[in-house]
């Protein structure tokens, strides 16, 4: 089924060398307008420089912007710690790696070498010879908005700005700047600016291109930053798979008959009952990466937890086919929303290194394509992989509840968040020959079954790639009718 067009697709997928890579078109619109506007507040100060074996670490205090003023929030000036690791021998002098990270502004002490995010980037630089950095405090938090009176962080902060955007739209006011994704993206862009300036000052070298990486809402920030900044040549958005967001939200409803408890901050704001409103569609056009897909043509390594508390492993059904250019998925079996602390956490960090090294070296990554099929009695996945994997197997798990398409490792039960004790089972795949592999399962007697194929391939410098197919779910039915309008308020599970 793939053979007719295989050669053409493989040829189109071959990576370009760094020197040959053309400039990308970037997205216009309110997000780009806000991020690239010089508000006069960007600056950075070097706090410390510490030399280690093979690299020097610089800690900066960086101000990325002013987001409104004191009448809007308690934190109009966004400042961040930015820790940059510069190798003494730069293997790829024109390239950098940015990890858009979390944190809050209550801790005034700069991060040290034992900070988890800083340490991972130090390991990245030591292993690859690439300049890397960790950006803290995205978003700046906690924030008290106007007369709200609550210290808001993470999703409580973002949900508040969604609700404000909606309310102003209803009143005829179009104010995209109120969305927290705006300053979050600007923080990442200013961090790349600061990396370029610091490295130029210390070494005389010009960094021209970046791979950027972030998790959850920072993963969302990575998607959007890549769409509006041509310096981004590769991305690794992690545990953020709700592109085509409102289609995916309806997917959650049909799967749960309500909402994952992890979306509770949005539910409390009443936002889930508004997902069909035209004002929310206007918001999606600004912050949903799916609307920027024509600009997201760079190599993409998307990583998800098979048992994520926020999102579902079959989210990819609603956007993967629409993405342009190189795209890879790694669904991590047994992992929830925190990939780094999962049993495969160490592999997660080394995969980021391996992927970027292959991009910078202009190496061909393994071609993969697959077809998912379902019948009245079961389903299958057929994988085409002309490169022979070093290892290949399938992983499957039954839904944690018979009346939900649900593979989370945590659920809301009896008003408490409890472990589901989900288990993913590894199984062999059938080798069909000529690069084809197949796995098939019968429908479970009750509930649902999710499964996917995982393949390990040779990578650069003795490393390996880990990629998966999308997940298939059987039976291909829904346990709940879809919701509409206010009927989508529902409950949390």
Protein backbone atom coordinates (compact mmCIF):
# COMPACT_ATOMS: atom_id res chain seq x y z
CA UNK A 1 0.00 0.00 0.00
CA UNK A 2 3.00 2.28 0.52
CA UNK A 3 5.37 1.08 -2.22
CA UNK A 4 4.19 3.28 -5.10
CA UNK A 5 5.14 6.50 -3.45
CA UNK A 6 7.77 5.29 -0.97
CA UNK A 7 10.84 6.44 -2.89
CA UNK A 8 9.47 9.92 -3.46
CA UNK A 9 8.48 10.33 0.18
CA UNK A 10 11.82 9.04 1.46
CA UNK A 11 13.70 11.42 -0.81
CA UNK A 12 11.60 14.34 0.40
CA UNK A 13 12.27 13.36 4.01
CA UNK A 14 16.05 13.45 3.71
CA UNK A 15 17.45 16.14 6.02
CA UNK A 16 19.37 19.04 4.59
CA UNK A 17 22.81 19.87 5.91
CA UNK A 18 23.09 22.94 8.10
CA UNK A 19 24.68 24.95 5.29
CA UNK A 20 21.99 24.00 2.77
CA UNK A 21 18.97 24.62 4.99
CA UNK A 22 16.88 27.47 3.54
CA UNK A 23 15.25 30.17 5.62
CA UNK A 24 11.72 29.36 6.67
CA UNK A 25 8.66 31.50 6.25
CA UNK A 26 7.27 32.49 9.63
CA UNK A 27 3.69 33.11 10.65
CA UNK A 28 2.23 36.63 10.65
CA UNK A 29 -0.51 37.72 13.00
CA UNK A 30 -1.08 38.99 16.54
CA UNK A 31 1.25 36.47 18.19
CA UNK A 32 4.15 37.45 15.95
CA UNK A 33 3.30 41.14 16.30
CA UNK A 34 3.41 40.96 20.10
CA UNK A 35 6.53 38.82 20.36
CA UNK A 36 8.63 40.82 17.91
CA UNK A 37 7.58 44.25 19.18
CA UNK A 38 10.47 45.93 21.01
CA UNK A 39 8.92 47.25 24.22
CA UNK A 40 12.25 48.59 25.48
CA UNK A 41 12.42 46.30 28.52
CA UNK A 42 14.56 43.43 27.23
CA UNK A 43 17.93 43.23 28.98
CA UNK A 44 20.18 40.79 30.78
CA UNK A 45 22.86 40.84 33.43
CA UNK A 46 25.50 38.20 34.00
CA UNK A 47 25.32 36.96 37.59
CA UNK A 48 28.04 34.33 37.56
CA UNK A 49 30.43 32.32 35.41
CA UNK A 50 31.70 28.93 36.56
CA UNK A 51 34.16 26.78 34.65
CA UNK A 52 33.69 23.02 34.60
CA UNK A 53 35.44 20.21 32.80
CA UNK A 54 34.63 20.86 29.16
CA UNK A 55 32.28 23.83 29.46
CA UNK A 56 31.57 27.10 31.27
CA UNK A 57 28.21 27.87 32.84
CA UNK A 58 26.87 31.42 32.81
CA UNK A 59 23.86 32.41 34.89
CA UNK A 60 21.95 35.45 33.64
CA UNK A 61 19.12 37.50 35.07
CA UNK A 62 17.11 38.30 31.98
CA UNK A 63 14.14 40.64 31.63
CA UNK A 64 12.10 39.50 28.66
CA UNK A 65 9.36 42.16 28.54
CA UNK A 66 6.72 44.23 30.21
CA UNK A 67 3.28 42.62 29.94
CA UNK A 68 0.74 45.37 30.59
CA UNK A 69 1.29 47.34 33.80
CA UNK A 70 0.62 47.29 37.55
CA UNK A 71 -3.09 47.94 37.04
CA UNK A 72 -3.42 44.63 35.20
CA UNK A 73 -1.27 42.32 37.30
CA UNK A 74 1.11 42.12 40.20
CA UNK A 75 3.94 41.11 37.87
CA UNK A 76 4.10 43.27 34.73
CA UNK A 77 7.88 42.94 34.40
CA UNK A 78 8.80 39.41 33.40
CA UNK A 79 12.28 38.40 34.50
CA UNK A 80 13.93 35.00 34.34
CA UNK A 81 17.02 33.08 35.25
CA UNK A 82 18.73 31.90 32.09
CA UNK A 83 21.55 29.40 32.58
CA UNK A 84 23.77 28.94 29.52
CA UNK A 85 26.38 26.20 29.12
CA UNK A 86 29.11 27.02 26.59
CA UNK A 87 31.41 24.14 25.59
CA UNK A 88 35.12 24.86 25.45
CA UNK A 89 35.17 23.02 22.13
CA UNK A 90 32.07 23.91 20.13
CA UNK A 91 31.30 21.10 17.69
CA UNK A 92 28.49 23.07 16.05
CA UNK A 93 29.40 26.74 16.60
CA UNK A 94 26.34 28.11 14.81
CA UNK A 95 23.81 26.08 16.82
CA UNK A 96 22.16 26.16 20.22
CA UNK A 97 19.58 24.21 22.20
CA UNK A 98 17.01 25.92 24.44
CA UNK A 99 15.01 24.17 27.15
CA UNK A 100 12.00 26.33 28.02
CA UNK A 101 11.45 25.47 31.66
CA UNK A 102 9.25 26.12 34.64
CA UNK A 103 9.83 27.74 38.03
CA UNK A 104 8.53 30.71 39.96
CA UNK A 105 9.74 34.13 41.00
CA UNK A 106 9.29 33.55 44.72
CA UNK A 107 12.72 31.96 44.96
CA UNK A 108 15.17 34.80 44.47
CA UNK A 109 18.25 32.54 44.54
CA UNK A 110 19.76 31.75 41.14
CA UNK A 111 19.66 28.05 40.20
CA UNK A 112 22.80 26.09 40.91
CA UNK A 113 24.36 23.06 39.22
CA UNK A 114 22.15 20.65 41.16
CA UNK A 115 18.92 22.19 39.83
CA UNK A 116 17.28 19.46 37.75
CA UNK A 117 16.70 21.49 34.59
CA UNK A 118 20.11 23.15 34.75
CA UNK A 119 21.81 19.80 35.33
CA UNK A 120 20.11 18.20 32.33
CA UNK A 121 21.31 20.97 30.05
CA UNK A 122 24.84 20.71 31.45
CA UNK A 123 24.74 17.00 30.60
CA UNK A 124 23.45 17.92 27.13
CA UNK A 125 26.39 20.24 26.45
CA UNK A 126 28.96 17.84 27.92
CA UNK A 127 27.65 15.00 25.74
CA UNK A 128 27.21 16.89 22.46
CA UNK A 129 29.51 19.92 22.44
CA UNK A 130 26.47 22.12 21.71
CA UNK A 131 25.65 25.36 23.51
CA UNK A 132 22.54 24.76 25.63
CA UNK A 133 20.44 26.78 28.01
CA UNK A 134 17.61 26.47 30.49
CA UNK A 135 15.12 29.30 30.69
CA UNK A 136 13.27 29.55 34.00
CA UNK A 137 9.95 31.11 35.02
CA UNK A 138 7.79 30.53 31.97
CA UNK A 139 5.27 31.82 32.77
CA UNK A 140 6.35 34.34 35.39
CA UNK A 141 4.41 33.28 38.44
CA UNK A 142 2.56 33.57 40.69
CA UNK A 143 0.51 36.50 39.39
CA UNK A 144 -2.42 38.32 40.96
CA UNK A 145 -4.65 39.79 38.23
CA UNK A 146 -6.43 43.08 38.87
CA UNK A 147 -8.96 42.59 41.68
CA UNK A 148 -8.87 38.80 41.39
CA UNK A 149 -7.01 38.45 44.68
CA UNK A 150 -5.64 34.96 43.95
CA UNK A 151 -2.02 33.99 43.42
CA UNK A 152 -2.28 32.21 40.09
CA UNK A 153 0.34 29.91 38.59
CA UNK A 154 0.54 27.42 35.74
CA UNK A 155 -2.93 26.42 34.48
CA UNK A 156 -4.82 28.66 36.90
CA UNK A 157 -2.94 31.59 35.39
CA UNK A 158 -3.46 30.56 31.77
CA UNK A 159 -7.13 29.68 32.27
CA UNK A 160 -7.81 33.12 33.75
CA UNK A 161 -6.42 34.76 30.58
CA UNK A 162 -8.54 32.49 28.36
CA UNK A 163 -11.64 33.57 30.24
CA UNK A 164 -10.68 37.26 30.03
CA UNK A 165 -10.10 36.97 26.27
CA UNK A 166 -13.52 35.33 25.85
CA UNK A 167 -15.30 37.98 27.95
CA UNK A 168 -13.70 40.82 26.03
CA UNK A 169 -14.55 39.18 22.71
CA UNK A 170 -18.21 38.98 23.79
CA UNK A 171 -18.03 42.72 24.49
CA UNK A 172 -16.60 43.38 21.03
CA UNK A 173 -13.04 43.92 22.26
CA UNK A 174 -10.30 42.07 20.35
CA UNK A 175 -7.34 41.89 22.72
CA UNK A 176 -5.02 38.94 21.93
CA UNK A 177 -2.30 40.38 24.18
CA UNK A 178 -4.24 39.27 27.25
CA UNK A 179 -3.51 35.62 26.47
CA UNK A 180 -0.62 34.34 28.59
CA UNK A 181 0.78 32.43 25.62
CA UNK A 182 1.90 35.81 24.22
CA UNK A 183 4.45 36.67 26.93
CA UNK A 184 5.42 33.02 27.30
CA UNK A 185 6.51 32.91 23.66
CA UNK A 186 8.25 36.25 23.94
CA UNK A 187 10.24 34.86 26.87
CA UNK A 188 11.56 32.05 24.68
CA UNK A 189 12.44 34.39 21.82
CA UNK A 190 14.30 36.75 24.16
CA UNK A 191 16.16 33.78 25.64
CA UNK A 192 17.48 32.89 22.18
CA UNK A 193 18.49 36.54 21.74
CA UNK A 194 20.39 36.46 25.04
CA UNK A 195 22.10 33.18 24.15
CA UNK A 196 23.32 34.70 20.90
CA UNK A 197 24.58 37.83 22.61
CA UNK A 198 26.31 36.04 25.50
CA UNK A 199 28.06 33.52 23.25
CA UNK A 200 29.16 36.26 20.85
CA UNK A 201 30.55 38.29 23.75
CA UNK A 202 32.43 35.38 25.31
CA UNK A 203 33.64 33.51 22.23
CA UNK A 204 33.15 35.70 19.18
CA UNK A 205 30.95 32.96 17.67
CA UNK A 206 27.55 33.65 16.11
CA UNK A 207 24.76 31.24 16.98
CA UNK A 208 22.26 31.31 14.14
CA UNK A 209 19.89 28.40 14.74
CA UNK A 210 18.23 26.52 17.57
CA UNK A 211 16.37 23.42 18.57
CA UNK A 212 13.87 24.27 21.30
CA UNK A 213 12.24 21.93 23.78
CA UNK A 214 9.69 22.23 26.54
CA UNK A 215 7.13 20.21 28.45
CA UNK A 216 3.38 20.66 28.87
CA UNK A 217 2.47 24.35 28.63
CA UNK A 218 6.12 25.01 27.81
CA UNK A 219 5.74 22.43 25.03
CA UNK A 220 2.82 24.51 23.77
CA UNK A 221 5.13 27.52 23.90
CA UNK A 222 7.70 25.62 21.84
CA UNK A 223 5.18 24.90 19.08
CA UNK A 224 4.17 28.55 18.80
CA UNK A 225 7.68 29.97 19.12
CA UNK A 226 8.82 27.76 16.25
CA UNK A 227 6.02 29.13 14.06
CA UNK A 228 7.10 32.75 14.48
CA UNK A 229 10.92 32.57 14.72
CA UNK A 230 12.96 31.44 11.71
CA UNK A 231 15.96 30.59 13.89
CA UNK A 232 14.18 27.45 15.11
CA UNK A 233 15.29 24.52 12.94
CA UNK A 234 13.98 21.63 15.09
CA UNK A 235 11.50 21.21 17.95
CA UNK A 236 10.72 18.73 20.70
CA UNK A 237 7.32 19.58 22.21
CA UNK A 238 6.71 17.15 25.05
CA UNK A 239 3.42 16.06 26.69
CA UNK A 240 1.45 18.56 24.64
CA UNK A 241 -0.69 16.67 22.15
CA UNK A 242 -3.93 18.66 22.07
CA UNK A 243 -3.33 20.40 18.74
CA UNK A 244 -6.58 21.06 16.89
CA UNK A 245 -7.65 21.74 20.42
CA UNK A 246 -11.41 21.93 20.26
CA UNK A 247 -11.69 18.83 18.08
CA UNK A 248 -9.52 17.11 20.64
CA UNK A 249 -11.62 18.48 23.51
CA UNK A 250 -14.69 16.87 21.94
CA UNK A 251 -12.61 13.71 21.62
CA UNK A 252 -12.06 13.86 25.41
CA UNK A 253 -15.77 14.23 26.04
CA UNK A 254 -16.67 11.25 23.89
CA UNK A 255 -13.95 9.27 25.66
CA UNK A 256 -14.78 10.28 29.25
CA UNK A 257 -18.29 11.68 29.31
CA UNK A 258 -16.61 14.64 31.01
CA UNK A 259 -13.09 15.94 31.47
CA UNK A 260 -9.74 14.71 32.75
CA UNK A 261 -9.28 16.07 36.27
CA UNK A 262 -6.01 17.70 35.17
CA UNK A 263 -8.08 20.18 33.12
CA UNK A 264 -9.82 21.27 36.31
CA UNK A 265 -8.49 24.84 36.24
CA UNK A 266 -10.18 25.39 32.87
CA UNK A 267 -13.35 23.66 34.04
CA UNK A 268 -13.54 25.87 37.15
CA UNK A 269 -13.43 28.95 34.90
CA UNK A 270 -16.41 27.54 32.98
CA UNK A 271 -14.33 27.31 29.83
CA UNK A 272 -15.25 23.76 28.93
CA UNK A 273 -18.87 24.87 28.49
CA UNK A 274 -17.64 27.49 25.99
CA UNK A 275 -15.66 25.31 23.62
CA UNK A 276 -18.23 25.65 20.84
CA UNK A 277 -18.50 29.44 21.07
CA UNK A 278 -17.16 31.51 18.15
CA UNK A 279 -15.13 33.65 20.56
CA UNK A 280 -13.18 30.58 21.59
CA UNK A 281 -12.56 29.71 17.97
CA UNK A 282 -11.00 33.17 17.58
CA UNK A 283 -8.73 32.38 20.52
CA UNK A 284 -7.73 29.06 18.97
CA UNK A 285 -6.65 30.84 15.79
CA UNK A 286 -4.09 32.71 17.90
CA UNK A 287 -2.82 30.02 20.28
CA UNK A 288 -3.56 26.61 18.75
CA UNK A 289 -0.43 25.33 16.94
CA UNK A 290 -2.70 23.49 14.49
CA UNK A 291 -3.52 26.85 12.88
CA UNK A 292 0.21 27.44 12.30
CA UNK A 293 0.90 24.05 10.75
CA UNK A 294 1.99 25.46 7.37
CA UNK A 295 4.84 27.21 9.21
CA UNK A 296 5.83 24.19 11.34
CA UNK A 297 7.81 22.42 8.63
CA UNK A 298 11.02 21.90 10.61
CA UNK A 299 11.96 18.45 12.03
CA UNK A 300 9.61 17.63 14.89
CA UNK A 301 10.08 15.07 17.66
CA UNK A 302 6.83 14.80 19.62
CA UNK A 303 6.96 12.92 22.90
CA UNK A 304 3.89 11.84 24.88
CA UNK A 305 3.20 9.78 27.94
CA UNK A 306 0.98 6.80 27.16
CA UNK A 307 -0.77 7.38 30.50
CA UNK A 308 -0.74 11.19 30.60
CA UNK A 309 -3.14 12.72 33.13
CA UNK A 310 -4.02 15.67 30.85
CA UNK A 311 -4.14 14.23 27.36
CA UNK A 312 -4.93 11.00 25.53
CA UNK A 313 -2.51 8.92 23.54
CA UNK A 314 -4.82 8.98 20.49
CA UNK A 315 -4.83 12.80 20.33
CA UNK A 316 -2.62 12.42 17.26
CA UNK A 317 -5.65 11.24 15.28
CA UNK A 318 -6.77 14.87 15.12
CA UNK A 319 -3.62 16.58 13.85
CA UNK A 320 -0.71 14.30 12.96
CA UNK A 321 -1.77 13.80 9.35
CA UNK A 322 -2.01 17.58 8.91
CA UNK A 323 1.57 18.34 9.98
CA UNK A 324 4.02 19.14 7.20
CA UNK A 325 7.65 18.12 6.93
CA UNK A 326 9.52 15.64 9.09
CA UNK A 327 7.59 14.38 12.11
CA UNK A 328 8.24 11.65 14.62
CA UNK A 329 6.29 10.38 17.61
CA UNK A 330 7.51 8.69 20.73
CA UNK A 331 4.67 7.48 22.97
CA UNK A 332 6.42 6.47 26.18
CA UNK A 333 4.87 3.35 27.69
CA UNK A 334 4.20 3.58 31.40
CA UNK A 335 4.78 7.33 31.52
CA UNK A 336 2.33 9.97 32.69
CA UNK A 337 2.61 13.72 32.30
CA UNK A 338 6.11 13.74 33.78
CA UNK A 339 8.24 11.89 31.24
CA UNK A 340 11.51 12.78 32.96
CA UNK A 341 10.58 10.96 36.16
CA UNK A 342 9.23 7.88 34.36
CA UNK A 343 11.18 4.61 34.13
CA UNK A 344 12.42 5.76 30.71
CA UNK A 345 13.40 9.22 31.95
CA UNK A 346 17.11 8.81 31.18
CA UNK A 347 16.32 7.68 27.64
CA UNK A 348 14.13 10.75 27.25
CA UNK A 349 17.02 13.12 27.86
CA UNK A 350 19.45 11.23 25.65
CA UNK A 351 16.89 11.09 22.82
CA UNK A 352 16.83 14.89 22.72
CA UNK A 353 20.61 14.87 22.29
CA UNK A 354 20.50 12.19 19.61
CA UNK A 355 17.79 13.85 17.58
CA UNK A 356 19.50 17.25 17.47
CA UNK A 357 22.88 15.72 16.65
CA UNK A 358 21.32 13.95 13.69
CA UNK A 359 19.72 17.18 12.48
CA UNK A 360 22.96 19.15 12.72
CA UNK A 361 24.96 16.40 11.03
CA UNK A 362 22.50 16.23 8.16
CA UNK A 363 21.91 12.54 8.77
CA UNK A 364 18.99 10.56 7.43
CA UNK A 365 16.60 9.49 10.13
CA UNK A 366 14.66 6.25 9.66
CA UNK A 367 11.60 6.44 7.46
CA UNK A 368 8.38 5.23 9.09
CA UNK A 369 4.82 5.10 7.88
CA UNK A 370 1.90 3.06 9.12
CA UNK A 371 -1.72 2.16 8.58
CA UNK A 372 -4.20 1.58 11.37
CA UNK A 373 -7.14 -0.70 10.73
CA UNK A 374 -10.18 -1.71 12.75
CA UNK A 375 -12.80 -4.36 12.12
CA UNK A 376 -15.85 -5.56 13.99
CA UNK A 377 -13.67 -7.98 15.93
CA UNK A 378 -10.39 -6.15 16.47
CA UNK A 379 -7.71 -3.99 14.93
CA UNK A 380 -4.14 -3.82 13.70
CA UNK A 381 -1.23 -1.57 12.86
CA UNK A 382 1.00 -2.24 9.86
CA UNK A 383 4.33 -0.40 9.97
CA UNK A 384 6.52 0.24 6.95
CA UNK A 385 10.15 0.67 7.99
CA UNK A 386 12.75 0.21 5.21
CA UNK A 387 15.47 0.65 7.86
CA UNK A 388 15.61 -2.53 9.91
CA UNK A 389 15.02 -1.72 13.58
CA UNK A 390 17.45 -2.92 16.22
CA UNK A 391 14.43 -3.73 18.35
CA UNK A 392 10.73 -3.69 17.59
CA UNK A 393 7.72 -4.63 19.68
CA UNK A 394 4.18 -3.58 20.50
CA UNK A 395 2.74 -2.19 23.72
CA UNK A 396 -0.89 -2.49 24.75
CA UNK A 397 -3.08 -1.74 27.75
CA UNK A 398 -6.79 -2.10 28.57
CA UNK A 399 -8.72 1.01 29.52
CA UNK A 400 -8.76 1.66 33.26
CA UNK A 401 -12.58 1.85 33.20
CA UNK A 402 -14.91 -0.09 30.93
CA UNK A 403 -17.05 3.00 30.31
CA UNK A 404 -14.15 5.29 29.36
CA UNK A 405 -11.47 5.31 26.66
CA UNK A 406 -9.01 6.10 29.44
CA UNK A 407 -5.37 5.06 29.91
CA UNK A 408 -4.28 7.60 32.52
CA UNK A 409 -2.12 6.61 35.46
CA UNK A 410 -4.23 8.83 37.76
CA UNK A 411 -7.98 9.47 37.93
CA UNK A 412 -10.40 11.45 40.10
CA UNK A 413 -12.33 8.99 42.23
CA UNK A 414 -14.37 9.67 45.38
CA UNK A 415 -13.23 13.32 45.23
CA UNK A 416 -9.59 12.29 45.40
CA UNK A 417 -6.91 11.78 42.76
CA UNK A 418 -5.93 8.12 42.88
CA UNK A 419 -3.60 5.82 40.98
CA UNK A 420 -5.18 3.58 38.38
CA UNK A 421 -2.37 0.98 38.42
CA UNK A 422 -2.47 0.75 34.64
CA UNK A 423 0.00 -1.72 33.14
CA UNK A 424 1.42 -1.66 29.61
CA UNK A 425 2.26 -5.08 28.20
CA UNK A 426 5.00 -5.65 25.63
CA UNK A 427 4.30 -8.11 22.81
CA UNK A 428 6.18 -9.25 19.70
CA UNK A 429 5.22 -7.99 16.26
CA UNK A 430 4.86 -10.05 13.11
CA UNK A 431 7.61 -9.56 10.52
CA UNK A 432 5.92 -9.53 7.10
CA UNK A 433 9.07 -8.94 5.05
CA UNK A 434 10.15 -6.11 2.73
CA UNK A 435 10.21 -3.71 5.66
CA UNK A 436 6.66 -4.38 6.84
CA UNK A 437 5.71 -5.22 10.43
CA UNK A 438 2.28 -5.95 11.87
CA UNK A 439 0.57 -6.29 15.20
CA UNK A 440 -3.10 -7.22 15.68
CA UNK A 441 -5.38 -7.59 18.68
CA UNK A 442 -8.92 -8.78 19.21
CA UNK A 443 -11.49 -6.56 20.89
CA UNK A 444 -11.49 -6.92 24.67
CA UNK A 445 -14.58 -8.48 26.22
CA UNK A 446 -15.23 -5.21 28.06
CA UNK A 447 -13.87 -1.70 27.76
CA UNK A 448 -11.22 -0.69 25.26
CA UNK A 449 -7.68 -1.61 24.28
CA UNK A 450 -4.98 0.82 23.09
CA UNK A 451 -1.80 -0.31 21.36
CA UNK A 452 1.13 0.98 19.31
CA UNK A 453 4.40 -0.23 17.79
CA UNK A 454 7.74 0.91 19.20
CA UNK A 455 10.96 0.69 17.16
CA UNK A 456 14.58 1.34 18.12
CA UNK A 457 16.97 2.32 15.31
CA UNK A 458 20.69 2.98 14.91
CA UNK A 459 21.52 6.62 15.48
CA UNK A 460 24.61 8.81 15.22
CA UNK A 461 27.79 8.13 17.18
CA UNK A 462 26.68 4.76 18.50
CA UNK A 463 23.40 6.15 19.81
CA UNK A 464 19.87 4.95 19.10
CA UNK A 465 16.59 6.54 18.07
CA UNK A 466 13.32 5.55 19.74
CA UNK A 467 10.14 6.18 17.76
CA UNK A 468 6.59 4.81 17.78
CA UNK A 469 3.55 4.72 15.58
CA UNK A 470 0.35 6.44 16.55
CA UNK A 471 -1.89 4.46 18.88
CA UNK A 472 -4.85 2.43 17.70
CA UNK A 473 -7.90 1.96 19.94
CA UNK A 474 -10.35 -0.94 19.69
CA UNK A 475 -13.23 -1.24 19.42
CA UNK A 476 -13.52 1.92 17.33
CA UNK A 477 -16.63 3.08 19.17
CA UNK A 478 -17.26 5.81 21.69
CA UNK A 479 -18.64 5.19 25.18
CA UNK A 480 -20.34 8.61 25.31
CA UNK A 481 -22.33 10.80 22.94
CA UNK A 482 -20.69 14.09 22.08
CA UNK A 483 -21.65 17.26 23.92
CA UNK A 484 -22.77 20.61 22.53
CA UNK A 485 -22.65 24.14 23.90
CA UNK A 486 -23.40 24.54 27.58
CA UNK A 487 -23.95 20.80 27.78
CA UNK A 488 -20.15 20.46 27.65
CA UNK A 489 -19.71 21.78 31.18
CA UNK A 490 -19.89 18.24 32.55
CA UNK A 491 -17.77 16.95 35.39
CA UNK A 492 -14.20 15.87 36.10
CA UNK A 493 -12.99 12.29 36.16
